[in-house]
Amino acid sequence: MADNKNRIAEKWNANADAAASQTRWWQVPKYCAYMNLEICGKPLPSVSQGANKRLRELGPFARAVSVGCGRATKEQALLKNGTVQHFDLYDLSDKRLDTARARYKEHGLEGRATFILGDAFENTPRDTYDLVHWASSLHHMMDARAALEWSREVLKPGGVLMMNEFTGPTYWQWGDDMLDCLYRFRAALPAHLRPANPSIRRLTVDQMIARDPSEAADSEAILPALKEFFPDAEIKALGGAIFPHALKGVYPKMKAEDDWVFDMVLTLDAAFRAKGESHNTFALARKR
């Protein structure tokens, strides 16, 4: 376990200041709107807006915790709009915490956050928090069930768990139907957008672990554990089997007149979601 923590810290330290080399799906307003419509009923164009709107309706929260916070930009937004009064922010990467700390100081928020380098699961007292905030970090936990059991324990009675997460195949072991659909879609794109290799590669588990042992390490266990520890949770399937991959490597070629392609991607994604294949999930739950 200690070796895994060190490898994870090294991986995220190495990426702490790296600029994105390509457009990511969460930077595409249409994709964000598609998910936010499910989360809050409004097609808001930024990735965290829907979740933040729902939390603001339930708040304010005096004390919150975020595990694997990275640069803590999502948490910063909740502090700025008054939804959260104080965050305890945990991460294994000292460089990413340094970046977060500098940004919080720049925005006058350093007194409203405690930055903690280490494992949140080791010594947190029970009934401590009003909000447990999981945003794109729970799927990096090595034991999802243990993480959600911890979440219930550290929440005060009546406290809220928010989860906006990847809950798809562990270590990205994509299904054949999904990969076939992606290949056919990418191969059928107009010539000026069509990638030289339309295939989406499925890495082996060993390759995934070598690249980052925490990426989707136990992601398939998240939903069963959520239902076990928070049986009354509100759970919303957000899709994601198709749209994160369909235009990989294609974004830089796209122009305004290619906007219709996004609509086609979302139509396919909605079809997969309708048959039960959704790789992203939003959830809200209270500790009873």
C-alpha atoms as a PDB file:
ATOM      1  CA  MET A   1       0.000   0.000   0.000  1.00  0.00           C
ATOM      2  CA  ALA A   2       2.821   2.431   0.888  1.00  0.00           C
ATOM      3  CA  ASP A   3       4.485   1.665  -2.452  1.00  0.00           C
ATOM      4  CA  ASN A   4       1.247   2.486  -4.277  1.00  0.00           C
ATOM      5  CA  LYS A   5       0.949   5.793  -2.417  1.00  0.00           C
ATOM      6  CA  ASN A   6       4.500   6.727  -3.394  1.00  0.00           C
ATOM      7  CA  ARG A   7       3.912   5.827  -7.049  1.00  0.00           C
ATOM      8  CA  ILE A   8       0.667   7.789  -7.126  1.00  0.00           C
ATOM      9  CA  ALA A   9       2.340  10.814  -5.537  1.00  0.00           C
ATOM     10  CA  GLU A  10       5.207  10.640  -8.048  1.00  0.00           C
ATOM     11  CA  LYS A  11       2.772  10.409 -10.962  1.00  0.00           C
ATOM     12  CA  TRP A  12       0.718  13.433  -9.903  1.00  0.00           C
ATOM     13  CA  ASN A  13       3.789  15.437  -8.899  1.00  0.00           C
ATOM     14  CA  ALA A  14       5.161  14.885 -12.402  1.00  0.00           C
ATOM     15  CA  ASN A  15       1.920  16.236 -13.884  1.00  0.00           C
ATOM     16  CA  ALA A  16       1.441  19.058 -11.399  1.00  0.00           C
ATOM     17  CA  ASP A  17       2.385  21.857 -13.773  1.00  0.00           C
ATOM     18  CA  ALA A  18       1.815  20.133 -17.112  1.00  0.00           C
ATOM     19  CA  ALA A  19      -0.278  22.069 -19.601  1.00  0.00           C
ATOM     20  CA  ALA A  20      -3.010  20.107 -21.390  1.00  0.00           C
ATOM     21  CA  SER A  21      -1.711  18.923 -24.761  1.00  0.00           C
ATOM     22  CA  GLN A  22      -5.189  18.366 -26.166  1.00  0.00           C
ATOM     23  CA  THR A  23      -8.761  19.425 -25.577  1.00  0.00           C
ATOM     24  CA  ARG A  24     -10.411  17.311 -22.888  1.00  0.00           C
ATOM     25  CA  TRP A  25     -14.083  16.391 -22.917  1.00  0.00           C
ATOM     26  CA  TRP A  26     -14.754  18.420 -19.755  1.00  0.00           C
ATOM     27  CA  GLN A  27     -13.663  21.532 -21.666  1.00  0.00           C
ATOM     28  CA  VAL A  28     -16.424  21.058 -24.278  1.00  0.00           C
ATOM     29  CA  PRO A  29     -19.515  23.103 -23.273  1.00  0.00           C
ATOM     30  CA  LYS A  30     -21.969  20.807 -25.117  1.00  0.00           C
ATOM     31  CA  TYR A  31     -20.780  17.752 -23.204  1.00  0.00           C
ATOM     32  CA  CYS A  32     -20.941  19.603 -19.896  1.00  0.00           C
ATOM     33  CA  ALA A  33     -24.437  20.889 -20.705  1.00  0.00           C
ATOM     34  CA  TYR A  34     -25.549  17.330 -21.550  1.00  0.00           C
ATOM     35  CA  MET A  35     -24.529  16.126 -18.072  1.00  0.00           C
ATOM     36  CA  ASN A  36     -25.644  19.206 -16.155  1.00  0.00           C
ATOM     37  CA  LEU A  37     -29.113  18.861 -17.623  1.00  0.00           C
ATOM     38  CA  GLU A  38     -29.331  15.513 -15.823  1.00  0.00           C
ATOM     39  CA  ILE A  39     -27.774  16.859 -12.612  1.00  0.00           C
ATOM     40  CA  CYS A  40     -29.746  20.066 -12.099  1.00  0.00           C
ATOM     41  CA  GLY A  41     -32.238  20.387 -14.965  1.00  0.00           C
ATOM     42  CA  LYS A  42     -30.301  23.161 -16.685  1.00  0.00           C
ATOM     43  CA  PRO A  43     -27.804  22.780 -19.586  1.00  0.00           C
ATOM     44  CA  LEU A  44     -25.024  24.694 -17.835  1.00  0.00           C
ATOM     45  CA  PRO A  45     -21.836  24.827 -19.943  1.00  0.00           C
ATOM     46  CA  SER A  46     -19.088  24.225 -17.351  1.00  0.00           C
ATOM     47  CA  VAL A  47     -18.313  20.838 -15.874  1.00  0.00           C
ATOM     48  CA  SER A  48     -18.925  21.572 -12.165  1.00  0.00           C
ATOM     49  CA  GLN A  49     -21.768  24.073 -12.467  1.00  0.00           C
ATOM     50  CA  GLY A  50     -24.576  21.551 -12.120  1.00  0.00           C
ATOM     51  CA  ALA A  51     -23.121  19.873  -9.031  1.00  0.00           C
ATOM     52  CA  ASN A  52     -22.316  23.235  -7.450  1.00  0.00           C
ATOM     53  CA  LYS A  53     -25.869  24.451  -8.076  1.00  0.00           C
ATOM     54  CA  ARG A  54     -27.299  21.410  -6.310  1.00  0.00           C
ATOM     55  CA  LEU A  55     -24.933  21.860  -3.366  1.00  0.00           C
ATOM     56  CA  ARG A  56     -25.729  25.541  -3.068  1.00  0.00           C
ATOM     57  CA  GLU A  57     -29.413  24.643  -2.759  1.00  0.00           C
ATOM     58  CA  LEU A  58     -28.578  22.303   0.159  1.00  0.00           C
ATOM     59  CA  GLY A  59     -25.971  24.473   1.894  1.00  0.00           C
ATOM     60  CA  PRO A  60     -24.327  26.299   3.408  1.00  0.00           C
ATOM     61  CA  PHE A  61     -21.954  23.723   4.902  1.00  0.00           C
ATOM     62  CA  ALA A  62     -19.741  24.787   7.795  1.00  0.00           C
ATOM     63  CA  ARG A  63     -17.004  22.183   7.291  1.00  0.00           C
ATOM     64  CA  ALA A  64     -16.286  20.019   4.263  1.00  0.00           C
ATOM     65  CA  VAL A  65     -13.626  17.554   3.178  1.00  0.00           C
ATOM     66  CA  SER A  66     -12.223  16.692  -0.239  1.00  0.00           C
ATOM     67  CA  VAL A  67      -9.883  13.737  -0.750  1.00  0.00           C
ATOM     68  CA  GLY A  68      -7.552  13.786  -3.760  1.00  0.00           C
ATOM     69  CA  CYS A  69      -8.297  17.465  -4.262  1.00  0.00           C
ATOM     70  CA  GLY A  70      -5.402  18.161  -6.664  1.00  0.00           C
ATOM     71  CA  ARG A  71      -5.357  21.888  -7.447  1.00  0.00           C
ATOM     72  CA  ALA A  72      -8.700  22.196  -5.607  1.00  0.00           C
ATOM     73  CA  THR A  73     -10.360  24.445  -8.190  1.00  0.00           C
ATOM     74  CA  LYS A  74     -13.817  22.887  -7.731  1.00  0.00           C
ATOM     75  CA  GLU A  75     -13.584  23.363  -3.989  1.00  0.00           C
ATOM     76  CA  GLN A  76     -12.418  26.947  -4.466  1.00  0.00           C
ATOM     77  CA  ALA A  77     -15.624  27.745  -6.350  1.00  0.00           C
ATOM     78  CA  LEU A  78     -17.747  26.435  -3.455  1.00  0.00           C
ATOM     79  CA  LEU A  79     -15.834  28.597  -0.985  1.00  0.00           C
ATOM     80  CA  LYS A  80     -16.177  31.670  -3.177  1.00  0.00           C
ATOM     81  CA  ASN A  81     -19.945  31.388  -3.558  1.00  0.00           C
ATOM     82  CA  GLY A  82     -20.471  30.722   0.153  1.00  0.00           C
ATOM     83  CA  THR A  83     -21.694  27.139  -0.177  1.00  0.00           C
ATOM     84  CA  VAL A  84     -18.828  25.928   2.046  1.00  0.00           C
ATOM     85  CA  GLN A  85     -17.279  27.888   4.898  1.00  0.00           C
ATOM     86  CA  HIS A  86     -14.140  25.751   5.368  1.00  0.00           C
ATOM     87  CA  PHE A  87     -12.547  22.880   3.428  1.00  0.00           C
ATOM     88  CA  ASP A  88     -10.055  20.271   4.607  1.00  0.00           C
ATOM     89  CA  LEU A  89      -8.162  19.434   1.401  1.00  0.00           C
ATOM     90  CA  TYR A  90      -6.207  16.167   1.183  1.00  0.00           C
ATOM     91  CA  ASP A  91      -3.796  15.034  -1.515  1.00  0.00           C
ATOM     92  CA  LEU A  92      -0.737  12.793  -1.880  1.00  0.00           C
ATOM     93  CA  SER A  93       1.000  15.227  -4.270  1.00  0.00           C
ATOM     94  CA  ASP A  94       2.872  17.990  -2.472  1.00  0.00           C
ATOM     95  CA  LYS A  95       3.355  19.914  -5.734  1.00  0.00           C
ATOM     96  CA  ARG A  96      -0.355  19.987  -6.508  1.00  0.00           C
ATOM     97  CA  LEU A  97      -1.109  21.123  -2.964  1.00  0.00           C
ATOM     98  CA  ASP A  98       1.522  23.865  -3.323  1.00  0.00           C
ATOM     99  CA  THR A  99      -0.247  25.033  -6.488  1.00  0.00           C
ATOM    100  CA  ALA A 100      -3.612  24.986  -4.722  1.00  0.00           C
ATOM    101  CA  ARG A 101      -2.239  26.849  -1.702  1.00  0.00           C
ATOM    102  CA  ALA A 102      -0.785  29.594  -3.915  1.00  0.00           C
ATOM    103  CA  ARG A 103      -4.075  30.005  -5.790  1.00  0.00           C
ATOM    104  CA  TYR A 104      -6.091  30.179  -2.591  1.00  0.00           C
ATOM    105  CA  LYS A 105      -3.762  32.852  -1.234  1.00  0.00           C
ATOM    106  CA  GLU A 106      -4.128  34.814  -4.463  1.00  0.00           C
ATOM    107  CA  HIS A 107      -7.909  34.781  -4.040  1.00  0.00           C
ATOM    108  CA  GLY A 108      -7.859  35.556  -0.326  1.00  0.00           C
ATOM    109  CA  LEU A 109      -9.119  32.096   0.647  1.00  0.00           C
ATOM    110  CA  GLU A 110      -6.095  30.669   2.484  1.00  0.00           C
ATOM    111  CA  GLY A 111      -7.799  31.104   5.870  1.00  0.00           C
ATOM    112  CA  ARG A 112     -10.773  29.017   4.755  1.00  0.00           C
ATOM    113  CA  ALA A 113      -8.878  25.889   3.756  1.00  0.00           C
ATOM    114  CA  THR A 114      -6.567  23.449   5.496  1.00  0.00           C
ATOM    115  CA  PHE A 115      -4.140  21.716   3.115  1.00  0.00           C
ATOM    116  CA  ILE A 116      -3.102  18.252   4.257  1.00  0.00           C
ATOM    117  CA  LEU A 117      -0.432  16.121   2.567  1.00  0.00           C
ATOM    118  CA  GLY A 118      -1.301  12.536   3.396  1.00  0.00           C
ATOM    119  CA  ASP A 119      -3.967   9.860   3.700  1.00  0.00           C
ATOM    120  CA  ALA A 120      -7.357  11.149   4.857  1.00  0.00           C
ATOM    121  CA  PHE A 121      -8.474   7.653   5.818  1.00  0.00           C
ATOM    122  CA  GLU A 122      -5.959   7.151   8.610  1.00  0.00           C
ATOM    123  CA  ASN A 123      -7.016   9.351  11.519  1.00  0.00           C
ATOM    124  CA  THR A 124     -10.190  11.301  10.733  1.00  0.00           C
ATOM    125  CA  PRO A 125     -12.627  11.318  13.697  1.00  0.00           C
ATOM    126  CA  ARG A 126     -16.214  10.191  13.223  1.00  0.00           C
ATOM    127  CA  ASP A 127     -19.007  12.761  12.804  1.00  0.00           C
ATOM    128  CA  THR A 128     -16.621  15.528  11.712  1.00  0.00           C
ATOM    129  CA  TYR A 129     -17.969  16.938   8.435  1.00  0.00           C
ATOM    130  CA  ASP A 130     -21.128  18.526   7.089  1.00  0.00           C
ATOM    131  CA  LEU A 131     -20.118  17.670   3.500  1.00  0.00           C
ATOM    132  CA  VAL A 132     -17.965  14.970   1.929  1.00  0.00           C
ATOM    133  CA  HIS A 133     -17.085  16.174  -1.572  1.00  0.00           C
ATOM    134  CA  TRP A 134     -16.020  13.638  -4.216  1.00  0.00           C
ATOM    135  CA  ALA A 135     -15.367  15.229  -7.617  1.00  0.00           C
ATOM    136  CA  SER A 136     -13.313  13.134 -10.061  1.00  0.00           C
ATOM    137  CA  SER A 137     -11.248  11.646  -7.243  1.00  0.00           C
ATOM    138  CA  LEU A 138     -13.242   8.731  -5.799  1.00  0.00           C
ATOM    139  CA  HIS A 139     -12.437   6.653  -8.887  1.00  0.00           C
ATOM    140  CA  HIS A 140      -8.751   7.054  -7.968  1.00  0.00           C
ATOM    141  CA  MET A 141      -9.251   5.329  -4.615  1.00  0.00           C
ATOM    142  CA  MET A 142      -7.779   1.838  -4.426  1.00  0.00           C
ATOM    143  CA  ASP A 143     -10.725   0.519  -2.373  1.00  0.00           C
ATOM    144  CA  ALA A 144     -13.987   2.264  -3.281  1.00  0.00           C
ATOM    145  CA  ARG A 145     -16.029   0.439  -0.648  1.00  0.00           C
ATOM    146  CA  ALA A 146     -13.645   1.487   2.123  1.00  0.00           C
ATOM    147  CA  ALA A 147     -13.705   5.086   0.859  1.00  0.00           C
ATOM    148  CA  LEU A 148     -17.502   5.241   0.957  1.00  0.00           C
ATOM    149  CA  GLU A 149     -17.694   3.545   4.347  1.00  0.00           C
ATOM    150  CA  TRP A 150     -15.224   6.187   5.610  1.00  0.00           C
ATOM    151  CA  SER A 151     -17.407   8.879   4.019  1.00  0.00           C
ATOM    152  CA  ARG A 152     -20.418   7.745   6.026  1.00  0.00           C
ATOM    153  CA  GLU A 153     -18.399   7.536   9.243  1.00  0.00           C
ATOM    154  CA  VAL A 154     -16.881  11.032   9.037  1.00  0.00           C
ATOM    155  CA  LEU A 155     -20.173  12.737   8.136  1.00  0.00           C
ATOM    156  CA  LYS A 156     -22.179  14.274  10.926  1.00  0.00           C
ATOM    157  CA  PRO A 157     -25.770  13.022  11.216  1.00  0.00           C
ATOM    158  CA  GLY A 158     -27.688  14.843   8.484  1.00  0.00           C
ATOM    159  CA  GLY A 159     -24.455  15.590   6.621  1.00  0.00           C
ATOM    160  CA  VAL A 160     -24.312  15.360   2.830  1.00  0.00           C
ATOM    161  CA  LEU A 161     -22.230  13.244   0.470  1.00  0.00           C
ATOM    162  CA  MET A 162     -21.805  14.618  -3.058  1.00  0.00           C
ATOM    163  CA  MET A 163     -20.290  12.445  -5.766  1.00  0.00           C
ATOM    164  CA  ASN A 164     -19.618  13.442  -9.387  1.00  0.00           C
ATOM    165  CA  GLU A 165     -17.473  10.584 -10.643  1.00  0.00           C
ATOM    166  CA  PHE A 166     -16.314   8.122 -13.247  1.00  0.00           C
ATOM    167  CA  THR A 167     -18.021   4.821 -12.373  1.00  0.00           C
ATOM    168  CA  GLY A 168     -17.232   2.895 -15.547  1.00  0.00           C
ATOM    169  CA  PRO A 169     -15.055  -0.181 -16.092  1.00  0.00           C
ATOM    170  CA  THR A 170     -12.200  -0.734 -13.653  1.00  0.00           C
ATOM    171  CA  TYR A 171      -8.846   0.113 -15.216  1.00  0.00           C
ATOM    172  CA  TRP A 172     -10.700   1.227 -18.367  1.00  0.00           C
ATOM    173  CA  GLN A 173     -11.457  -2.266 -19.625  1.00  0.00           C
ATOM    174  CA  TRP A 174     -13.892  -0.994 -22.250  1.00  0.00           C
ATOM    175  CA  GLY A 175     -16.486  -3.373 -23.669  1.00  0.00           C
ATOM    176  CA  ASP A 176     -16.280  -4.647 -27.254  1.00  0.00           C
ATOM    177  CA  ASP A 177     -19.642  -3.072 -28.219  1.00  0.00           C
ATOM    178  CA  MET A 178     -18.440   0.331 -27.120  1.00  0.00           C
ATOM    179  CA  LEU A 179     -15.107   0.034 -28.928  1.00  0.00           C
ATOM    180  CA  ASP A 180     -16.814  -1.188 -32.103  1.00  0.00           C
ATOM    181  CA  CYS A 181     -19.266   1.731 -32.020  1.00  0.00           C
ATOM    182  CA  LEU A 182     -16.430   4.201 -31.505  1.00  0.00           C
ATOM    183  CA  TYR A 183     -14.457   2.733 -34.403  1.00  0.00           C
ATOM    184  CA  ARG A 184     -17.438   2.909 -36.765  1.00  0.00           C
ATOM    185  CA  PHE A 185     -18.258   6.477 -35.759  1.00  0.00           C
ATOM    186  CA  ARG A 186     -14.694   7.736 -36.090  1.00  0.00           C
ATOM    187  CA  ALA A 187     -14.182   5.934 -39.410  1.00  0.00           C
ATOM    188  CA  ALA A 188     -17.353   7.595 -40.773  1.00  0.00           C
ATOM    189  CA  LEU A 189     -16.320  11.160 -39.896  1.00  0.00           C
ATOM    190  CA  PRO A 190     -15.876  13.622 -42.783  1.00  0.00           C
ATOM    191  CA  ALA A 191     -12.474  13.333 -44.439  1.00  0.00           C
ATOM    192  CA  HIS A 192     -11.118  16.538 -42.861  1.00  0.00           C
ATOM    193  CA  LEU A 193     -11.882  15.190 -39.376  1.00  0.00           C
ATOM    194  CA  ARG A 194     -11.288  11.455 -39.795  1.00  0.00           C
ATOM    195  CA  PRO A 195      -8.324  10.210 -37.738  1.00  0.00           C
ATOM    196  CA  ALA A 196      -5.671   8.115 -39.484  1.00  0.00           C
ATOM    197  CA  ASN A 197      -6.426   5.327 -36.990  1.00  0.00           C
ATOM    198  CA  PRO A 198     -10.100   5.362 -35.956  1.00  0.00           C
ATOM    199  CA  SER A 199      -9.600   2.693 -33.272  1.00  0.00           C
ATOM    200  CA  ILE A 200      -9.687   3.514 -29.564  1.00  0.00           C
ATOM    201  CA  ARG A 201      -7.081   1.424 -27.806  1.00  0.00           C
ATOM    202  CA  ARG A 202      -7.966  -0.667 -24.754  1.00  0.00           C
ATOM    203  CA  LEU A 203      -4.871  -0.839 -22.567  1.00  0.00           C
ATOM    204  CA  THR A 204      -4.230  -3.972 -20.541  1.00  0.00           C
ATOM    205  CA  VAL A 205      -4.644  -3.814 -16.771  1.00  0.00           C
ATOM    206  CA  ASP A 206      -0.869  -4.074 -16.376  1.00  0.00           C
ATOM    207  CA  GLN A 207      -0.369  -1.171 -18.764  1.00  0.00           C
ATOM    208  CA  MET A 208      -2.884   0.917 -16.849  1.00  0.00           C
ATOM    209  CA  ILE A 209      -1.222   0.155 -13.523  1.00  0.00           C
ATOM    210  CA  ALA A 210       2.201   1.006 -14.939  1.00  0.00           C
ATOM    211  CA  ARG A 211       0.871   4.357 -16.155  1.00  0.00           C
ATOM    212  CA  ASP A 212      -1.070   5.230 -12.993  1.00  0.00           C
ATOM    213  CA  PRO A 213      -2.028   2.587 -10.393  1.00  0.00           C
ATOM    214  CA  SER A 214      -4.868   4.800  -9.176  1.00  0.00           C
ATOM    215  CA  GLU A 215      -6.704   5.446 -12.469  1.00  0.00           C
ATOM    216  CA  ALA A 216     -10.119   3.752 -12.223  1.00  0.00           C
ATOM    217  CA  ALA A 217      -8.513   1.353  -9.754  1.00  0.00           C
ATOM    218  CA  ASP A 218     -11.811   0.156  -8.280  1.00  0.00           C
ATOM    219  CA  SER A 219     -14.355   2.179 -10.232  1.00  0.00           C
ATOM    220  CA  GLU A 220     -16.861  -0.636 -10.837  1.00  0.00           C
ATOM    221  CA  ALA A 221     -17.250  -1.021  -7.068  1.00  0.00           C
ATOM    222  CA  ILE A 222     -18.354   2.587  -6.502  1.00  0.00           C
ATOM    223  CA  LEU A 223     -22.068   2.262  -7.251  1.00  0.00           C
ATOM    224  CA  PRO A 224     -22.623  -0.987  -5.293  1.00  0.00           C
ATOM    225  CA  ALA A 225     -20.824   0.538  -2.298  1.00  0.00           C
ATOM    226  CA  LEU A 226     -22.761   3.798  -2.577  1.00  0.00           C
ATOM    227  CA  LYS A 227     -26.038   1.866  -2.475  1.00  0.00           C
ATOM    228  CA  GLU A 228     -24.798  -0.177   0.486  1.00  0.00           C
ATOM    229  CA  PHE A 229     -23.769   2.734   2.698  1.00  0.00           C
ATOM    230  CA  PHE A 230     -26.220   5.363   1.402  1.00  0.00           C
ATOM    231  CA  PRO A 231     -29.303   3.354   0.376  1.00  0.00           C
ATOM    232  CA  ASP A 232     -31.446   6.500  -0.009  1.00  0.00           C
ATOM    233  CA  ALA A 233     -28.970   8.258  -2.327  1.00  0.00           C
ATOM    234  CA  GLU A 234     -30.231  10.190  -5.333  1.00  0.00           C
ATOM    235  CA  ILE A 235     -28.262   8.694  -8.248  1.00  0.00           C
ATOM    236  CA  LYS A 236     -28.172  10.104 -11.770  1.00  0.00           C
ATOM    237  CA  ALA A 237     -26.541   8.370 -14.744  1.00  0.00           C
ATOM    238  CA  LEU A 238     -24.709  10.964 -16.847  1.00  0.00           C
ATOM    239  CA  GLY A 239     -23.528   8.877 -19.806  1.00  0.00           C
ATOM    240  CA  GLY A 240     -19.918   8.948 -20.871  1.00  0.00           C
ATOM    241  CA  ALA A 241     -19.467   5.644 -22.681  1.00  0.00           C
ATOM    242  CA  ILE A 242     -19.031   7.476 -25.995  1.00  0.00           C
ATOM    243  CA  PHE A 243     -18.409  11.210 -25.706  1.00  0.00           C
ATOM    244  CA  PRO A 244     -15.021  11.171 -23.909  1.00  0.00           C
ATOM    245  CA  HIS A 245     -13.497   9.063 -26.687  1.00  0.00           C
ATOM    246  CA  ALA A 246     -15.353   9.711 -29.945  1.00  0.00           C
ATOM    247  CA  LEU A 247     -13.390  12.830 -30.899  1.00  0.00           C
ATOM    248  CA  LYS A 248     -10.049  12.001 -29.315  1.00  0.00           C
ATOM    249  CA  GLY A 249      -7.375  13.603 -31.496  1.00  0.00           C
ATOM    250  CA  VAL A 250     -10.081  15.242 -33.621  1.00  0.00           C
ATOM    251  CA  TYR A 251     -10.797  18.390 -31.594  1.00  0.00           C
ATOM    252  CA  PRO A 252      -7.886  20.436 -33.009  1.00  0.00           C
ATOM    253  CA  LYS A 253      -9.238  19.983 -36.555  1.00  0.00           C
ATOM    254  CA  MET A 254     -12.786  21.075 -35.751  1.00  0.00           C
ATOM    255  CA  LYS A 255     -14.271  24.391 -36.871  1.00  0.00           C
ATOM    256  CA  ALA A 256     -17.585  26.111 -36.135  1.00  0.00           C
ATOM    257  CA  GLU A 257     -19.262  24.401 -39.084  1.00  0.00           C
ATOM    258  CA  ASP A 258     -18.429  21.001 -37.533  1.00  0.00           C
ATOM    259  CA  ASP A 259     -20.587  21.654 -34.472  1.00  0.00           C
ATOM    260  CA  TRP A 260     -23.159  19.110 -35.680  1.00  0.00           C
ATOM    261  CA  VAL A 261     -20.625  16.368 -34.928  1.00  0.00           C
ATOM    262  CA  PHE A 262     -21.025  17.005 -31.195  1.00  0.00           C
ATOM    263  CA  ASP A 263     -24.772  16.420 -31.539  1.00  0.00           C
ATOM    264  CA  MET A 264     -24.126  13.079 -33.236  1.00  0.00           C
ATOM    265  CA  VAL A 265     -21.742  12.052 -30.468  1.00  0.00           C
ATOM    266  CA  LEU A 266     -24.304  12.887 -27.806  1.00  0.00           C
ATOM    267  CA  THR A 267     -27.031  10.975 -29.665  1.00  0.00           C
ATOM    268  CA  LEU A 268     -24.841   7.868 -29.585  1.00  0.00           C
ATOM    269  CA  ASP A 269     -23.942   8.432 -25.969  1.00  0.00           C
ATOM    270  CA  ALA A 270     -27.596   8.774 -24.997  1.00  0.00           C
ATOM    271  CA  ALA A 271     -28.338   5.478 -26.766  1.00  0.00           C
ATOM    272  CA  PHE A 272     -25.671   3.711 -24.704  1.00  0.00           C
ATOM    273  CA  ARG A 273     -26.953   5.385 -21.533  1.00  0.00           C
ATOM    274  CA  ALA A 274     -30.495   4.220 -22.326  1.00  0.00           C
ATOM    275  CA  LYS A 275     -29.338   0.612 -22.457  1.00  0.00           C
ATOM    276  CA  GLY A 276     -27.583   0.969 -19.100  1.00  0.00           C
ATOM    277  CA  GLU A 277     -24.012   1.789 -20.086  1.00  0.00           C
ATOM    278  CA  SER A 278     -23.155   5.015 -18.302  1.00  0.00           C
ATOM    279  CA  HIS A 279     -19.623   5.727 -17.159  1.00  0.00           C
ATOM    280  CA  ASN A 280     -20.258   8.939 -15.207  1.00  0.00           C
ATOM    281  CA  THR A 281     -22.523   9.298 -12.188  1.00  0.00           C
ATOM    282  CA  PHE A 282     -23.769  12.103  -9.972  1.00  0.00           C
ATOM    283  CA  ALA A 283     -25.108  11.333  -6.507  1.00  0.00           C
ATOM    284  CA  LEU A 284     -26.344  13.165  -3.434  1.00  0.00           C
ATOM    285  CA  ALA A 285     -27.015  11.475  -0.101  1.00  0.00           C
ATOM    286  CA  ARG A 286     -27.604  12.359   3.528  1.00  0.00           C
ATOM    287  CA  LYS A 287     -26.324  10.445   6.502  1.00  0.00           C
ATOM    288  CA  ARG A 288     -29.337   9.160   8.423  1.00  0.00           C
END
